[in-house]
Protein backbone atom coordinates (compact mmCIF):
# COMPACT_ATOMS: atom_id res chain seq x y z
CA MET A 1 28.43 7.06 10.65
CA ARG A 2 26.35 9.62 8.33
CA GLN A 3 23.37 11.56 8.48
CA ILE A 4 20.57 11.21 6.40
CA HIS A 5 18.09 13.64 5.18
CA PHE A 6 14.23 12.49 4.82
CA SER A 7 10.88 13.33 5.07
CA LYS A 8 7.64 11.80 6.71
CA TYR A 9 4.63 11.23 4.87
CA GLN A 10 1.57 9.55 5.73
CA GLY A 11 -1.73 8.20 3.55
CA THR A 12 -4.71 7.25 5.82
CA GLY A 13 -2.52 6.71 8.64
CA ASN A 14 0.23 4.58 6.76
CA ASP A 15 3.12 6.06 6.81
CA PHE A 16 6.78 6.39 6.00
CA VAL A 17 9.81 7.37 6.00
CA MET A 18 10.92 8.97 2.02
CA ILE A 19 14.81 9.17 1.17
CA ASP A 20 15.80 11.01 -1.86
CA ASN A 21 17.57 8.80 -3.59
CA MET A 22 18.10 10.11 -7.34
CA SER A 23 22.01 10.37 -6.66
CA GLY A 24 22.10 6.86 -5.80
CA GLU A 25 23.93 7.91 -2.44
CA PHE A 26 21.99 5.48 -0.43
CA ASP A 27 22.15 2.61 -2.70
CA ASP A 28 24.21 0.99 -0.11
CA LEU A 29 21.69 1.53 2.65
CA LYS A 30 21.49 -2.28 4.40
CA ILE A 31 18.23 -4.07 5.90
CA ILE A 32 19.51 -3.54 9.39
CA ASP A 33 19.70 0.63 8.23
CA ILE A 34 16.17 0.17 7.29
CA GLN A 35 14.82 -1.59 10.68
CA SER A 36 16.39 0.60 12.66
CA ILE A 37 15.38 4.23 11.29
CA CYS A 38 11.22 2.60 11.24
CA ASN A 39 11.59 1.31 14.80
CA ARG A 40 8.94 3.63 16.70
CA LYS A 41 11.24 3.41 19.79
CA THR A 42 14.34 4.10 18.87
CA GLY A 43 14.35 5.34 15.21
CA VAL A 44 11.86 7.73 13.50
CA GLY A 45 9.43 5.00 13.58
CA ALA A 46 7.20 3.91 10.28
CA ASP A 47 5.77 1.25 8.74
CA GLY A 48 8.00 1.76 5.88
CA LEU A 49 10.72 3.72 4.39
CA ILE A 50 11.19 4.52 0.41
CA LEU A 51 13.61 5.48 -2.03
CA ILE A 52 13.05 7.61 -4.65
CA ASN A 53 15.26 6.24 -7.30
CA GLU A 54 16.38 7.11 -10.76
CA CYS A 55 14.57 4.93 -13.58
CA GLN A 56 15.26 5.46 -17.22
CA GLY A 57 12.23 5.48 -19.57
CA TYR A 58 10.24 6.90 -16.13
CA ASP A 59 9.86 9.65 -13.54
CA PHE A 60 11.64 7.87 -10.95
CA GLU A 61 11.36 4.57 -9.12
CA VAL A 62 9.54 4.15 -5.36
CA ASP A 63 11.85 1.28 -4.23
CA TYR A 64 9.52 0.45 -0.98
CA TYR A 65 10.61 -1.31 2.11
CA ASN A 66 8.67 -2.66 5.01
CA SER A 67 9.30 -2.20 8.71
CA ASP A 68 11.61 -5.26 8.80
CA GLY A 69 13.64 -4.78 5.72
CA SER A 70 11.31 -6.68 3.26
CA LYS A 71 10.61 -5.78 -0.17
CA SER A 72 6.93 -5.24 -1.46
CA PHE A 73 4.77 -3.43 -3.76
CA CYS A 74 2.67 -0.36 -0.81
CA GLY A 75 -0.53 1.27 -2.51
CA ASN A 76 -0.20 4.00 0.13
CA GLY A 77 3.61 4.32 -0.02
CA ALA A 78 3.20 4.63 -3.65
CA ARG A 79 0.57 7.05 -2.87
CA CYS A 80 2.72 9.35 -0.67
CA SER A 81 5.72 9.04 -3.15
CA VAL A 82 4.26 10.52 -5.78
CA ALA A 83 3.47 13.57 -3.25
CA PHE A 84 7.27 13.28 -2.49
CA ALA A 85 8.32 13.63 -5.95
CA GLN A 86 6.46 16.09 -6.48
CA SER A 87 7.26 18.31 -3.47
CA LEU A 88 10.93 17.44 -5.22
CA GLY A 89 10.08 19.01 -8.22
CA LEU A 90 10.31 16.00 -10.36
CA ILE A 91 7.26 16.09 -11.69
CA ASP A 92 4.11 17.91 -12.48
CA ASP A 93 -0.02 16.72 -11.69
CA LYS A 94 1.32 13.60 -13.91
CA ALA A 95 3.40 11.08 -13.39
CA SER A 96 5.13 7.98 -14.71
CA PHE A 97 6.77 5.33 -11.83
CA MET A 98 8.26 1.75 -11.58
CA GLY A 99 7.39 0.18 -9.07
CA ILE A 100 8.58 -3.65 -7.47
CA ASP A 101 5.51 -5.10 -9.35
CA GLY A 102 6.01 -3.00 -12.80
CA PRO A 103 5.30 0.59 -14.36
CA HIS A 104 2.21 2.77 -13.01
CA GLU A 105 0.38 6.03 -13.78
CA ALA A 106 -0.40 8.52 -11.56
CA ILE A 107 -2.33 11.83 -10.95
CA VAL A 108 -1.99 14.23 -8.64
CA ARG A 109 -5.88 16.41 -7.92
CA GLY A 110 -5.09 18.72 -4.81
CA ASP A 111 -4.11 16.98 -1.60
CA ILE A 112 -6.04 13.81 -3.78
CA ILE A 113 -3.28 11.34 -5.16
CA GLU A 114 -4.83 8.87 -7.35
CA ILE A 115 -2.13 6.02 -8.70
CA GLU A 116 -3.31 3.13 -11.51
CA MET A 117 -2.61 -0.26 -10.06
CA LYS A 118 -1.80 -3.34 -11.76
CA PRO A 119 -4.65 -5.33 -13.15
CA VAL A 120 -5.89 -8.23 -11.28
CA ASP A 121 -6.24 -11.62 -13.40
CA HIS A 122 -7.92 -13.61 -11.21
CA ILE A 123 -9.49 -13.65 -7.76
CA ALA A 124 -9.84 -17.33 -5.67
CA SER A 125 -12.80 -17.81 -3.82
CA ASP A 126 -13.71 -19.92 -0.42
CA GLU A 127 -17.19 -19.73 1.11
CA ASP A 128 -16.29 -16.14 2.79
CA ALA A 129 -12.56 -15.99 1.76
CA TYR A 130 -11.02 -14.50 -0.78
CA VAL A 131 -7.06 -14.19 -2.26
CA LEU A 132 -5.68 -12.03 -4.73
CA ASP A 133 -2.87 -9.95 -5.90
CA THR A 134 -2.79 -6.54 -6.06
CA GLY A 135 0.62 -5.59 -6.46
CA SER A 136 0.80 -7.53 -3.06
CA PRO A 137 -0.63 -10.80 -2.13
CA HIS A 138 -3.93 -10.44 0.00
CA TYR A 139 -5.96 -12.65 1.96
CA ILE A 140 -10.07 -11.52 2.10
CA LYS A 141 -12.47 -12.57 5.02
CA ILE A 142 -15.90 -11.17 5.29
CA GLN A 143 -17.33 -10.26 8.16
CA SER A 144 -21.01 -9.85 9.02
CA LYS A 145 -20.26 -8.56 12.75
CA GLU A 146 -17.25 -6.80 13.97
CA ASP A 147 -16.78 -9.48 16.13
CA LEU A 148 -12.83 -11.24 15.35
CA ASP A 149 -9.43 -9.26 16.27
CA ILE A 150 -7.62 -8.47 13.67
CA VAL A 151 -4.77 -8.97 14.88
CA GLU A 152 -5.53 -12.40 16.42
CA PHE A 153 -6.82 -13.35 12.96
CA GLY A 154 -4.56 -11.74 11.19
CA LYS A 155 -1.29 -13.98 12.53
CA ALA A 156 -3.59 -17.25 12.14
CA VAL A 157 -3.64 -16.92 8.51
CA ARG A 158 -0.42 -15.08 7.75
CA TYR A 159 1.68 -18.06 9.79
CA ASN A 160 -0.39 -21.71 8.45
CA SER A 161 1.11 -23.92 6.95
CA VAL A 162 -0.27 -22.19 3.48
CA TYR A 163 0.90 -18.94 4.15
CA ALA A 164 4.19 -18.91 6.29
CA GLU A 165 6.98 -19.18 3.76
CA ASN A 166 5.73 -16.40 1.32
CA GLY A 167 3.61 -14.55 3.67
CA ILE A 168 0.13 -12.92 3.19
CA ASN A 169 -1.79 -9.96 4.16
CA VAL A 170 -4.79 -10.58 6.03
CA ASN A 171 -7.87 -8.30 5.75
CA LEU A 172 -11.12 -8.08 7.75
CA MET A 173 -13.88 -6.80 5.41
CA SER A 174 -17.71 -5.95 6.09
CA VAL A 175 -20.24 -4.19 4.20
CA VAL A 176 -21.22 -0.80 5.10
CA GLY A 177 -23.64 -0.08 2.00
CA GLU A 178 -24.03 -0.92 -1.94
CA ASN A 179 -21.06 0.97 -2.41
CA GLU A 180 -18.88 1.38 0.55
CA ILE A 181 -16.98 -1.34 2.68
CA LYS A 182 -14.88 -1.06 5.46
CA VAL A 183 -11.47 -2.59 5.84
CA GLU A 184 -9.08 -3.45 8.85
CA THR A 185 -5.59 -5.27 7.61
CA TYR A 186 -2.85 -7.16 9.66
CA GLU A 187 0.50 -6.80 7.11
CA ARG A 188 3.71 -9.12 6.06
CA GLY A 189 6.66 -7.02 7.34
CA VAL A 190 5.17 -5.14 9.90
CA GLU A 191 3.90 -8.04 11.36
CA ASP A 192 0.85 -5.90 12.99
CA GLU A 193 -1.84 -3.98 12.00
CA THR A 194 -1.91 -0.85 9.83
CA LEU A 195 -4.21 2.00 9.96
CA SER A 196 -4.33 1.36 6.39
CA CYS A 197 -3.30 -0.47 3.44
CA GLY A 198 -3.59 0.48 -0.18
CA THR A 199 -3.30 -2.93 -1.88
CA GLY A 200 -5.19 -4.42 0.88
CA VAL A 201 -8.20 -1.06 0.65
CA ALA A 202 -8.15 -2.10 -3.66
CA ALA A 203 -8.54 -6.29 -2.98
CA CYS A 204 -11.43 -5.65 -0.39
CA ALA A 205 -12.40 -3.15 -3.21
CA LEU A 206 -12.62 -5.76 -6.42
CA VAL A 207 -13.84 -8.51 -3.93
CA HIS A 208 -17.24 -6.40 -2.64
CA MET A 209 -17.47 -5.72 -6.72
CA VAL A 210 -17.65 -9.09 -7.82
CA LYS A 211 -19.71 -10.51 -4.68
CA ASN A 212 -22.36 -7.07 -5.90
CA ASN A 213 -21.96 -7.81 -9.78
CA MET A 214 -20.83 -4.79 -10.48
CA SER A 215 -18.92 -4.43 -13.39
CA SER A 216 -17.31 -1.07 -12.83
CA GLY A 217 -17.70 1.34 -10.56
CA GLU A 218 -16.09 3.03 -7.43
CA ILE A 219 -15.85 1.56 -4.38
CA THR A 220 -15.67 3.88 -0.65
CA VAL A 221 -13.35 2.49 2.10
CA GLN A 222 -13.08 3.34 5.72
CA THR A 223 -10.10 2.55 7.22
CA LYS A 224 -8.81 3.27 10.64
CA GLY A 225 -6.33 5.96 9.29
CA GLY A 226 -8.50 7.52 6.53
CA GLN A 227 -11.12 7.21 3.82
CA LEU A 228 -9.75 5.97 0.31
CA SER A 229 -11.91 5.23 -2.77
CA VAL A 230 -11.07 2.35 -5.60
CA LYS A 231 -11.92 2.56 -9.32
CA GLY A 232 -12.37 -0.37 -11.25
CA MET A 233 -13.50 -2.44 -14.01
CA ARG A 234 -14.36 -5.75 -15.48
CA ASN A 235 -12.53 -7.59 -18.11
CA ASN A 236 -14.02 -10.81 -20.12
CA ASN A 237 -11.65 -12.73 -18.19
CA GLY A 238 -13.03 -12.40 -14.64
CA GLY A 239 -10.48 -9.84 -13.50
CA PHE A 240 -10.09 -6.23 -13.43
CA ASN A 241 -8.57 -3.68 -15.29
CA ASN A 242 -8.26 0.18 -15.33
CA ILE A 243 -8.21 0.00 -11.30
CA TRP A 244 -7.62 3.22 -9.67
CA LEU A 245 -6.96 3.60 -5.82
CA CYS A 246 -7.58 7.28 -4.79
CA GLY A 247 -6.70 8.87 -1.02
CA PRO A 248 -5.16 11.70 0.25
CA ALA A 249 -0.85 12.21 1.08
CA GLU A 250 0.42 14.38 3.21
CA LYS A 251 3.97 15.16 4.33
CA VAL A 252 3.98 15.30 8.26
CA PHE A 253 7.42 16.44 8.52
CA ASP A 254 11.59 16.64 7.91
CA GLY A 255 14.64 15.80 9.58
CA ASN A 256 17.70 14.36 9.58
CA ILE A 257 18.60 10.99 11.40
CA SER A 258 21.96 9.51 12.41
CA ILE A 259 23.23 5.81 10.88
């Protein structure tokens, strides 16, 4: 048995166990350990676990694991990582970090953490459904009435013959106003609804901009865990550059766990 010191962070209800691994002490953390720590009944409980690693040429690396131990990029997790890195004294009010999908920039504006997302080259569409990758793949259905259950619908899409092998995150999006939407997300790797999903929020905001022929702008996004905003700019190829995910990230508590 060994003891791990951690910090619990949350960003609009998306919660994470954060571990300082700049020394490489926890490079040998096993998938079963991650699953155990994230277990809400017998562990700390979280949507994911993040190791903050040393990364040459960058302030740090965000090594993100879903609660089932699978790896992906997580927008809210990245924002919480920036807040955590600042608490460790690794950064001031700006950061350059590496994620599984490549390098990112970040800005700290008080309680608001802004991260630059990867460019989106292509958005596939089929009537009221869209598929795109904002660091993680997302399926988006636009609903005029909020009459679908996100868990039931999410499982049906995520485990169908098209997406079952690699998985996909599933979102239900409804329009609130010209520059405001509401989003519910079923996340692969968690295999359930989460209160918020950063890459899903970004994906839905970009789809909203496409639907409204917006060349640039800022979209307010309501999730069950709180409010985020997404900035983006269309490029000449029909995709988006200069995408920023913005919102709060806060520490919940510190603790120790034995594994």
